[in-house]
Amino acid sequence: MIKITDGMCTIKPESTFTIYDVEQFVHSMREKLPSIKVIVLDFASVDEFDTAGFQTIYALHKSAQAQSIEMYFTATSTAVNRISGLFGVSDWYQSLLKEGGAHAT
């Protein structure tokens, strides 16, 4: 799920990013964040994304901003798009979608 190469952290969940996944993710990211310069989110394969998953990504974005770490989505799934629409944060979400990045409709 998390791969770091030369300061670039790629986060690519296999199928879920829910309340059952985020505790371990948060713990792991706390340890790794000081050595990261860029966070790339590839959520194309995420079939299940819930409010805990959204809150975790939002908190990660705030932490990244505070530490001047660039963060963006390269790809998202319908599940991720649905939650951003549900919360009314489409503008924030779109600001994290890398230009030219793929997203499901």
C-alpha atoms as a PDB file:
ATOM      1  CA  MET A   1       0.000   0.000   0.000  1.00  0.00           C
ATOM      2  CA  ILE A   2       2.821   2.479   0.845  1.00  0.00           C
ATOM      3  CA  LYS A   3       6.025   2.700  -1.168  1.00  0.00           C
ATOM      4  CA  ILE A   4       8.728   5.322  -0.643  1.00  0.00           C
ATOM      5  CA  THR A   5      11.466   5.985  -3.177  1.00  0.00           C
ATOM      6  CA  ASP A   6      13.775   9.025  -3.017  1.00  0.00           C
ATOM      7  CA  GLY A   7      11.360  11.070  -0.904  1.00  0.00           C
ATOM      8  CA  MET A   8       8.337  10.201  -3.049  1.00  0.00           C
ATOM      9  CA  CYS A   9       5.641   8.303  -1.194  1.00  0.00           C
ATOM     10  CA  THR A  10       3.144   6.436  -3.355  1.00  0.00           C
ATOM     11  CA  ILE A  11      -0.012   5.287  -1.607  1.00  0.00           C
ATOM     12  CA  LYS A  12      -1.980   2.717  -3.560  1.00  0.00           C
ATOM     13  CA  PRO A  13      -4.633   0.810  -1.592  1.00  0.00           C
ATOM     14  CA  GLU A  14      -5.538  -2.528  -3.162  1.00  0.00           C
ATOM     15  CA  SER A  15      -9.323  -2.419  -2.811  1.00  0.00           C
ATOM     16  CA  THR A  16     -10.425  -0.739   0.421  1.00  0.00           C
ATOM     17  CA  PHE A  17      -9.592   2.385   2.373  1.00  0.00           C
ATOM     18  CA  THR A  18     -12.063   2.240   5.248  1.00  0.00           C
ATOM     19  CA  ILE A  19     -12.209   2.407   9.011  1.00  0.00           C
ATOM     20  CA  TYR A  20     -10.674  -1.077   9.064  1.00  0.00           C
ATOM     21  CA  ASP A  21      -7.597   0.074   7.112  1.00  0.00           C
ATOM     22  CA  VAL A  22      -6.802   3.532   8.417  1.00  0.00           C
ATOM     23  CA  GLU A  23      -5.409   2.812  11.888  1.00  0.00           C
ATOM     24  CA  GLN A  24      -2.404   0.916  10.549  1.00  0.00           C
ATOM     25  CA  PHE A  25      -2.053   3.432   7.710  1.00  0.00           C
ATOM     26  CA  VAL A  26      -1.948   6.418  10.102  1.00  0.00           C
ATOM     27  CA  HIS A  27       0.614   4.722  12.334  1.00  0.00           C
ATOM     28  CA  SER A  28       2.813   3.914   9.356  1.00  0.00           C
ATOM     29  CA  MET A  29       2.565   7.414   7.872  1.00  0.00           C
ATOM     30  CA  ARG A  30       3.482   9.108  11.168  1.00  0.00           C
ATOM     31  CA  GLU A  31       6.785   7.260  11.092  1.00  0.00           C
ATOM     32  CA  LYS A  32       7.478   7.975   7.432  1.00  0.00           C
ATOM     33  CA  LEU A  33       6.243  11.573   7.028  1.00  0.00           C
ATOM     34  CA  PRO A  34       9.474  13.328   8.078  1.00  0.00           C
ATOM     35  CA  SER A  35      11.379  11.758   5.162  1.00  0.00           C
ATOM     36  CA  ILE A  36       8.736  12.464   2.494  1.00  0.00           C
ATOM     37  CA  LYS A  37       8.782  15.324  -0.023  1.00  0.00           C
ATOM     38  CA  VAL A  38       5.843  14.269  -2.242  1.00  0.00           C
ATOM     39  CA  ILE A  39       2.769  12.123  -1.564  1.00  0.00           C
ATOM     40  CA  VAL A  40       1.148  10.502  -4.592  1.00  0.00           C
ATOM     41  CA  LEU A  41      -2.285   8.948  -4.091  1.00  0.00           C
ATOM     42  CA  ASP A  42      -3.337   6.271  -6.570  1.00  0.00           C
ATOM     43  CA  PHE A  43      -6.849   5.307  -5.508  1.00  0.00           C
ATOM     44  CA  ALA A  44      -7.972   3.878  -8.852  1.00  0.00           C
ATOM     45  CA  SER A  45      -8.474   0.398  -7.373  1.00  0.00           C
ATOM     46  CA  VAL A  46     -10.373   1.492  -4.269  1.00  0.00           C
ATOM     47  CA  ASP A  47     -13.799  -0.159  -4.292  1.00  0.00           C
ATOM     48  CA  GLU A  48     -14.710   0.780  -0.717  1.00  0.00           C
ATOM     49  CA  PHE A  49     -13.996   4.249   0.665  1.00  0.00           C
ATOM     50  CA  ASP A  50     -15.821   5.500   3.729  1.00  0.00           C
ATOM     51  CA  THR A  51     -15.891   8.557   5.957  1.00  0.00           C
ATOM     52  CA  ALA A  52     -12.917   7.303   7.990  1.00  0.00           C
ATOM     53  CA  GLY A  53     -10.928   6.951   4.773  1.00  0.00           C
ATOM     54  CA  PHE A  54     -11.896  10.464   3.718  1.00  0.00           C
ATOM     55  CA  GLN A  55     -11.033  11.949   7.119  1.00  0.00           C
ATOM     56  CA  THR A  56      -7.668  10.221   7.033  1.00  0.00           C
ATOM     57  CA  ILE A  57      -6.805  11.640   3.608  1.00  0.00           C
ATOM     58  CA  TYR A  58      -8.011  15.089   4.666  1.00  0.00           C
ATOM     59  CA  ALA A  59      -5.873  14.979   7.835  1.00  0.00           C
ATOM     60  CA  LEU A  60      -2.898  13.730   5.819  1.00  0.00           C
ATOM     61  CA  HIS A  61      -3.337  16.658   3.438  1.00  0.00           C
ATOM     62  CA  LYS A  62      -3.361  19.134   6.351  1.00  0.00           C
ATOM     63  CA  SER A  63      -0.214  17.541   7.808  1.00  0.00           C
ATOM     64  CA  ALA A  64       1.460  17.596   4.400  1.00  0.00           C
ATOM     65  CA  GLN A  65       0.635  21.281   3.938  1.00  0.00           C
ATOM     66  CA  ALA A  66       2.032  22.122   7.375  1.00  0.00           C
ATOM     67  CA  GLN A  67       5.304  20.416   6.426  1.00  0.00           C
ATOM     68  CA  SER A  68       5.421  21.798   2.844  1.00  0.00           C
ATOM     69  CA  ILE A  69       4.923  18.329   1.350  1.00  0.00           C
ATOM     70  CA  GLU A  70       3.259  18.215  -2.057  1.00  0.00           C
ATOM     71  CA  MET A  71       0.297  15.833  -2.219  1.00  0.00           C
ATOM     72  CA  TYR A  72      -1.957  14.850  -5.098  1.00  0.00           C
ATOM     73  CA  PHE A  73      -4.122  12.115  -6.595  1.00  0.00           C
ATOM     74  CA  THR A  74      -3.004  10.509  -9.841  1.00  0.00           C
ATOM     75  CA  ALA A  75      -6.124   8.369 -10.095  1.00  0.00           C
ATOM     76  CA  THR A  76      -9.341   7.872  -8.171  1.00  0.00           C
ATOM     77  CA  SER A  77     -12.287   5.523  -8.220  1.00  0.00           C
ATOM     78  CA  THR A  78     -16.028   6.022  -8.288  1.00  0.00           C
ATOM     79  CA  ALA A  79     -16.135   5.306  -4.539  1.00  0.00           C
ATOM     80  CA  VAL A  80     -13.719   8.166  -3.825  1.00  0.00           C
ATOM     81  CA  ASN A  81     -15.615  10.527  -6.137  1.00  0.00           C
ATOM     82  CA  ARG A  82     -18.888   9.632  -4.418  1.00  0.00           C
ATOM     83  CA  ILE A  83     -17.614  10.462  -0.919  1.00  0.00           C
ATOM     84  CA  SER A  84     -16.151  13.801  -2.014  1.00  0.00           C
ATOM     85  CA  GLY A  85     -19.506  14.696  -3.551  1.00  0.00           C
ATOM     86  CA  LEU A  86     -21.394  13.534  -0.464  1.00  0.00           C
ATOM     87  CA  PHE A  87     -19.300  15.760   1.795  1.00  0.00           C
ATOM     88  CA  GLY A  88     -19.534  18.719  -0.582  1.00  0.00           C
ATOM     89  CA  VAL A  89     -15.760  18.974  -0.911  1.00  0.00           C
ATOM     90  CA  SER A  90     -15.506  18.540  -4.647  1.00  0.00           C
ATOM     91  CA  ASP A  91     -13.458  21.738  -5.036  1.00  0.00           C
ATOM     92  CA  TRP A  92     -10.911  20.572  -2.454  1.00  0.00           C
ATOM     93  CA  TYR A  93     -10.844  17.111  -3.981  1.00  0.00           C
ATOM     94  CA  GLN A  94     -10.422  18.476  -7.525  1.00  0.00           C
ATOM     95  CA  SER A  95      -7.547  20.666  -6.321  1.00  0.00           C
ATOM     96  CA  LEU A  96      -5.703  17.475  -5.338  1.00  0.00           C
ATOM     97  CA  LEU A  97      -6.318  15.732  -8.662  1.00  0.00           C
ATOM     98  CA  LYS A  98      -3.159  16.084 -10.721  1.00  0.00           C
ATOM     99  CA  GLU A  99      -3.883  17.685 -14.073  1.00  0.00           C
ATOM    100  CA  GLY A 100      -4.336  14.896 -16.560  1.00  0.00           C
ATOM    101  CA  GLY A 101      -4.984  12.435 -13.740  1.00  0.00           C
ATOM    102  CA  ALA A 102      -7.569   9.765 -14.372  1.00  0.00           C
ATOM    103  CA  HIS A 103     -10.730   9.484 -12.372  1.00  0.00           C
ATOM    104  CA  ALA A 104     -13.764   7.314 -12.705  1.00  0.00           C
ATOM    105  CA  THR A 105     -17.100   8.889 -13.436  1.00  0.00           C
END
